[in-house]
Amino acid sequence: MKNMVHRYTILKSVLLLALVILPLLGSDCNNTSTQNSGNISGNWQLNFVQGNLQDVCMGEVVNFPSNTGGTATLTCPGQSSVSQDYTFSNDVLTYTSGASYNVNSSTTGVLILTGTFSGNGLAGTRILTYGPVTTSKNKETASPVKGVNSSEKF
């Protein structure tokens, strides 16, 4: 009888351990976040804007020389370049102008900047989607807002 109770205790322990471990075996620990992998450096072209205060121009090209901070160069088509200091830490891009964006690039070759704003009685979210720089001459671009770009405080 003592042997049977001992076997039951062992079987119960193994079953409990299996119930705890099995769900962990099915999880994908490498895909628990869609946040940026920490690489914003390079040349990016604005392809899509969603939200209020759209003070950016389609086709704007931004160059981030570093993954941690430095001076970004923003260029709207047909306009002079604008330089803006920035920092990038903990998936947040902050320009010295005060504009701040959460960075998400879960898909290779796409950089998504999401910023919230409030002021002048308005509040909302703006999403800027950048892709790799293209050199196609056939791409339509919207007219830029002269002298204003996505690094401006919104």
C-alpha atoms as a PDB file:
ATOM      1  CA  MET A   1       0.000   0.000   0.000  1.00  0.00           C
ATOM      2  CA  LYS A   2       2.859   2.351   0.840  1.00  0.00           C
ATOM      3  CA  ASN A   3       4.404   1.686  -2.607  1.00  0.00           C
ATOM      4  CA  MET A   4       1.133   2.502  -4.329  1.00  0.00           C
ATOM      5  CA  VAL A   5       0.805   5.844  -2.502  1.00  0.00           C
ATOM      6  CA  HIS A   6       4.431   6.662  -3.377  1.00  0.00           C
ATOM      7  CA  ARG A   7       3.811   5.881  -7.081  1.00  0.00           C
ATOM      8  CA  TYR A   8       0.640   7.994  -7.051  1.00  0.00           C
ATOM      9  CA  THR A   9       2.563  10.940  -5.566  1.00  0.00           C
ATOM     10  CA  ILE A  10       5.289  10.637  -8.202  1.00  0.00           C
ATOM     11  CA  LEU A  11       2.735  10.333 -11.018  1.00  0.00           C
ATOM     12  CA  LYS A  12       0.830  13.349  -9.678  1.00  0.00           C
ATOM     13  CA  SER A  13       4.063  15.380  -9.503  1.00  0.00           C
ATOM     14  CA  VAL A  14       5.062  14.461 -13.067  1.00  0.00           C
ATOM     15  CA  LEU A  15       1.588  15.327 -14.358  1.00  0.00           C
ATOM     16  CA  LEU A  16       1.633  18.700 -12.582  1.00  0.00           C
ATOM     17  CA  LEU A  17       5.110  19.470 -13.935  1.00  0.00           C
ATOM     18  CA  ALA A  18       3.973  18.556 -17.468  1.00  0.00           C
ATOM     19  CA  LEU A  19       0.967  20.870 -17.185  1.00  0.00           C
ATOM     20  CA  VAL A  20       3.280  23.720 -16.217  1.00  0.00           C
ATOM     21  CA  ILE A  21       5.958  23.065 -18.864  1.00  0.00           C
ATOM     22  CA  LEU A  22       3.826  22.172 -21.928  1.00  0.00           C
ATOM     23  CA  PRO A  23       2.362  25.668 -22.482  1.00  0.00           C
ATOM     24  CA  LEU A  24       5.876  27.106 -22.400  1.00  0.00           C
ATOM     25  CA  LEU A  25       7.070  24.704 -25.081  1.00  0.00           C
ATOM     26  CA  GLY A  26       4.448  26.006 -27.516  1.00  0.00           C
ATOM     27  CA  SER A  27       5.256  29.679 -27.075  1.00  0.00           C
ATOM     28  CA  ASP A  28       7.464  31.659 -29.432  1.00  0.00           C
ATOM     29  CA  CYS A  29       9.740  33.522 -27.035  1.00  0.00           C
ATOM     30  CA  ASN A  30      11.497  35.303 -29.892  1.00  0.00           C
ATOM     31  CA  ASN A  31       8.288  36.962 -31.094  1.00  0.00           C
ATOM     32  CA  THR A  32       6.857  38.500 -27.946  1.00  0.00           C
ATOM     33  CA  SER A  33       7.175  42.111 -29.110  1.00  0.00           C
ATOM     34  CA  THR A  34       6.601  44.010 -32.304  1.00  0.00           C
ATOM     35  CA  GLN A  35       8.834  46.847 -31.185  1.00  0.00           C
ATOM     36  CA  ASN A  36      11.780  48.017 -33.193  1.00  0.00           C
ATOM     37  CA  SER A  37      14.918  45.908 -33.070  1.00  0.00           C
ATOM     38  CA  GLY A  38      16.910  49.040 -32.292  1.00  0.00           C
ATOM     39  CA  ASN A  39      17.932  49.951 -35.824  1.00  0.00           C
ATOM     40  CA  ILE A  40      16.652  53.278 -37.130  1.00  0.00           C
ATOM     41  CA  SER A  41      19.878  54.307 -38.827  1.00  0.00           C
ATOM     42  CA  GLY A  42      19.892  54.886 -42.549  1.00  0.00           C
ATOM     43  CA  ASN A  43      17.806  56.685 -45.144  1.00  0.00           C
ATOM     44  CA  TRP A  44      14.012  56.475 -44.898  1.00  0.00           C
ATOM     45  CA  GLN A  45      11.314  57.896 -47.177  1.00  0.00           C
ATOM     46  CA  LEU A  46       7.863  58.933 -45.876  1.00  0.00           C
ATOM     47  CA  ASN A  47       5.216  56.847 -47.656  1.00  0.00           C
ATOM     48  CA  PHE A  48       2.109  57.251 -45.484  1.00  0.00           C
ATOM     49  CA  VAL A  49       0.716  59.711 -42.932  1.00  0.00           C
ATOM     50  CA  GLN A  50      -2.270  59.096 -40.687  1.00  0.00           C
ATOM     51  CA  GLY A  51      -3.664  61.526 -38.133  1.00  0.00           C
ATOM     52  CA  ASN A  52      -4.004  65.210 -37.408  1.00  0.00           C
ATOM     53  CA  LEU A  53      -1.593  68.102 -37.865  1.00  0.00           C
ATOM     54  CA  GLN A  54      -0.151  66.719 -41.035  1.00  0.00           C
ATOM     55  CA  ASP A  55       2.743  69.148 -41.267  1.00  0.00           C
ATOM     56  CA  VAL A  56       4.869  66.740 -43.244  1.00  0.00           C
ATOM     57  CA  CYS A  57       5.348  66.115 -46.926  1.00  0.00           C
ATOM     58  CA  MET A  58       4.958  62.830 -48.734  1.00  0.00           C
ATOM     59  CA  GLY A  59       8.279  61.659 -50.045  1.00  0.00           C
ATOM     60  CA  GLU A  60      10.230  63.361 -47.247  1.00  0.00           C
ATOM     61  CA  VAL A  61      13.590  61.628 -46.832  1.00  0.00           C
ATOM     62  CA  VAL A  62      15.133  61.404 -43.385  1.00  0.00           C
ATOM     63  CA  ASN A  63      18.634  60.201 -42.609  1.00  0.00           C
ATOM     64  CA  PHE A  64      19.386  58.938 -39.111  1.00  0.00           C
ATOM     65  CA  PRO A  65      23.170  58.472 -38.915  1.00  0.00           C
ATOM     66  CA  SER A  66      23.070  56.533 -35.622  1.00  0.00           C
ATOM     67  CA  ASN A  67      20.847  54.199 -33.600  1.00  0.00           C
ATOM     68  CA  THR A  68      21.352  56.214 -30.422  1.00  0.00           C
ATOM     69  CA  GLY A  69      21.210  59.860 -31.477  1.00  0.00           C
ATOM     70  CA  GLY A  70      22.874  62.588 -33.455  1.00  0.00           C
ATOM     71  CA  THR A  71      21.737  64.970 -36.145  1.00  0.00           C
ATOM     72  CA  ALA A  72      19.032  63.803 -38.529  1.00  0.00           C
ATOM     73  CA  THR A  73      18.738  65.339 -41.978  1.00  0.00           C
ATOM     74  CA  LEU A  74      15.176  65.771 -43.267  1.00  0.00           C
ATOM     75  CA  THR A  75      14.538  66.699 -46.890  1.00  0.00           C
ATOM     76  CA  CYS A  76      11.175  67.320 -48.539  1.00  0.00           C
ATOM     77  CA  PRO A  77      11.136  66.979 -52.334  1.00  0.00           C
ATOM     78  CA  GLY A  78      12.151  70.250 -53.929  1.00  0.00           C
ATOM     79  CA  GLN A  79      13.044  71.837 -50.575  1.00  0.00           C
ATOM     80  CA  SER A  80      16.260  72.554 -48.708  1.00  0.00           C
ATOM     81  CA  SER A  81      17.361  70.014 -46.089  1.00  0.00           C
ATOM     82  CA  VAL A  82      16.662  70.628 -42.425  1.00  0.00           C
ATOM     83  CA  SER A  83      18.967  69.298 -39.694  1.00  0.00           C
ATOM     84  CA  GLN A  84      17.499  68.305 -36.355  1.00  0.00           C
ATOM     85  CA  ASP A  85      19.238  66.773 -33.330  1.00  0.00           C
ATOM     86  CA  TYR A  86      17.591  63.632 -31.969  1.00  0.00           C
ATOM     87  CA  THR A  87      17.971  60.851 -29.437  1.00  0.00           C
ATOM     88  CA  PHE A  88      16.744  57.276 -29.706  1.00  0.00           C
ATOM     89  CA  SER A  89      16.385  55.204 -26.557  1.00  0.00           C
ATOM     90  CA  ASN A  90      13.939  52.520 -25.364  1.00  0.00           C
ATOM     91  CA  ASP A  91      12.115  52.595 -28.721  1.00  0.00           C
ATOM     92  CA  VAL A  92      11.391  56.342 -28.406  1.00  0.00           C
ATOM     93  CA  LEU A  93      12.674  58.845 -30.966  1.00  0.00           C
ATOM     94  CA  THR A  94      12.856  62.379 -29.562  1.00  0.00           C
ATOM     95  CA  TYR A  95      13.787  65.456 -31.563  1.00  0.00           C
ATOM     96  CA  THR A  96      15.197  68.490 -29.764  1.00  0.00           C
ATOM     97  CA  SER A  97      12.207  70.424 -31.125  1.00  0.00           C
ATOM     98  CA  GLY A  98      10.125  68.471 -28.627  1.00  0.00           C
ATOM     99  CA  ALA A  99       8.431  66.078 -31.050  1.00  0.00           C
ATOM    100  CA  SER A 100       8.535  62.531 -29.741  1.00  0.00           C
ATOM    101  CA  TYR A 101       7.563  59.252 -31.420  1.00  0.00           C
ATOM    102  CA  ASN A 102       7.280  55.618 -30.366  1.00  0.00           C
ATOM    103  CA  VAL A 103       9.184  53.573 -32.930  1.00  0.00           C
ATOM    104  CA  ASN A 104       7.946  50.283 -34.313  1.00  0.00           C
ATOM    105  CA  SER A 105       9.467  48.405 -37.216  1.00  0.00           C
ATOM    106  CA  SER A 106       8.220  44.865 -36.843  1.00  0.00           C
ATOM    107  CA  THR A 107       8.434  44.389 -40.598  1.00  0.00           C
ATOM    108  CA  THR A 108      11.846  44.560 -42.243  1.00  0.00           C
ATOM    109  CA  GLY A 109      12.237  47.690 -44.311  1.00  0.00           C
ATOM    110  CA  VAL A 110       9.407  49.613 -42.595  1.00  0.00           C
ATOM    111  CA  LEU A 111       9.809  52.273 -39.927  1.00  0.00           C
ATOM    112  CA  ILE A 112       6.613  53.371 -38.153  1.00  0.00           C
ATOM    113  CA  LEU A 113       6.645  56.446 -35.916  1.00  0.00           C
ATOM    114  CA  THR A 114       3.636  57.029 -33.668  1.00  0.00           C
ATOM    115  CA  GLY A 115       3.303  60.298 -31.771  1.00  0.00           C
ATOM    116  CA  THR A 116       0.561  61.787 -29.634  1.00  0.00           C
ATOM    117  CA  PHE A 117      -0.076  65.485 -29.324  1.00  0.00           C
ATOM    118  CA  SER A 118      -2.270  67.994 -27.568  1.00  0.00           C
ATOM    119  CA  GLY A 119      -2.466  71.724 -27.896  1.00  0.00           C
ATOM    120  CA  ASN A 120      -4.621  74.514 -29.307  1.00  0.00           C
ATOM    121  CA  GLY A 121      -7.723  72.565 -28.290  1.00  0.00           C
ATOM    122  CA  LEU A 122      -6.715  69.556 -30.400  1.00  0.00           C
ATOM    123  CA  ALA A 123      -5.529  66.118 -29.342  1.00  0.00           C
ATOM    124  CA  GLY A 124      -4.768  62.951 -31.237  1.00  0.00           C
ATOM    125  CA  THR A 125      -2.251  60.556 -32.651  1.00  0.00           C
ATOM    126  CA  ARG A 126      -0.124  60.812 -35.760  1.00  0.00           C
ATOM    127  CA  ILE A 127       1.420  57.823 -37.495  1.00  0.00           C
ATOM    128  CA  LEU A 128       4.262  58.282 -39.979  1.00  0.00           C
ATOM    129  CA  THR A 129       5.252  55.254 -42.053  1.00  0.00           C
ATOM    130  CA  TYR A 130       8.667  55.257 -43.712  1.00  0.00           C
ATOM    131  CA  GLY A 131      10.141  52.764 -46.142  1.00  0.00           C
ATOM    132  CA  PRO A 132      13.516  52.419 -47.811  1.00  0.00           C
ATOM    133  CA  VAL A 133      14.472  55.357 -50.020  1.00  0.00           C
ATOM    134  CA  THR A 134      13.273  54.888 -53.592  1.00  0.00           C
ATOM    135  CA  THR A 135      14.634  56.671 -56.614  1.00  0.00           C
ATOM    136  CA  SER A 136      11.565  56.201 -58.834  1.00  0.00           C
ATOM    137  CA  LYS A 137      10.624  59.367 -60.743  1.00  0.00           C
ATOM    138  CA  ASN A 138       7.038  58.107 -61.266  1.00  0.00           C
ATOM    139  CA  LYS A 139       6.025  58.343 -57.602  1.00  0.00           C
ATOM    140  CA  GLU A 140       3.412  61.037 -56.866  1.00  0.00           C
ATOM    141  CA  THR A 141       4.172  63.332 -53.986  1.00  0.00           C
ATOM    142  CA  ALA A 142       1.909  65.739 -52.139  1.00  0.00           C
ATOM    143  CA  SER A 143       2.847  69.374 -51.926  1.00  0.00           C
ATOM    144  CA  PRO A 144       4.994  69.982 -48.882  1.00  0.00           C
ATOM    145  CA  VAL A 145       4.077  72.462 -46.216  1.00  0.00           C
ATOM    146  CA  LYS A 146       6.856  74.963 -46.829  1.00  0.00           C
ATOM    147  CA  GLY A 147       9.463  75.062 -44.086  1.00  0.00           C
ATOM    148  CA  VAL A 148       7.787  72.426 -41.898  1.00  0.00           C
ATOM    149  CA  ASN A 149       8.743  68.791 -41.501  1.00  0.00           C
ATOM    150  CA  SER A 150       8.097  65.803 -39.255  1.00  0.00           C
ATOM    151  CA  SER A 151      10.756  66.858 -36.753  1.00  0.00           C
ATOM    152  CA  GLU A 152       8.737  69.957 -35.862  1.00  0.00           C
ATOM    153  CA  LYS A 153       6.928  69.982 -32.551  1.00  0.00           C
ATOM    154  CA  PHE A 154       3.301  69.118 -33.111  1.00  0.00           C
END
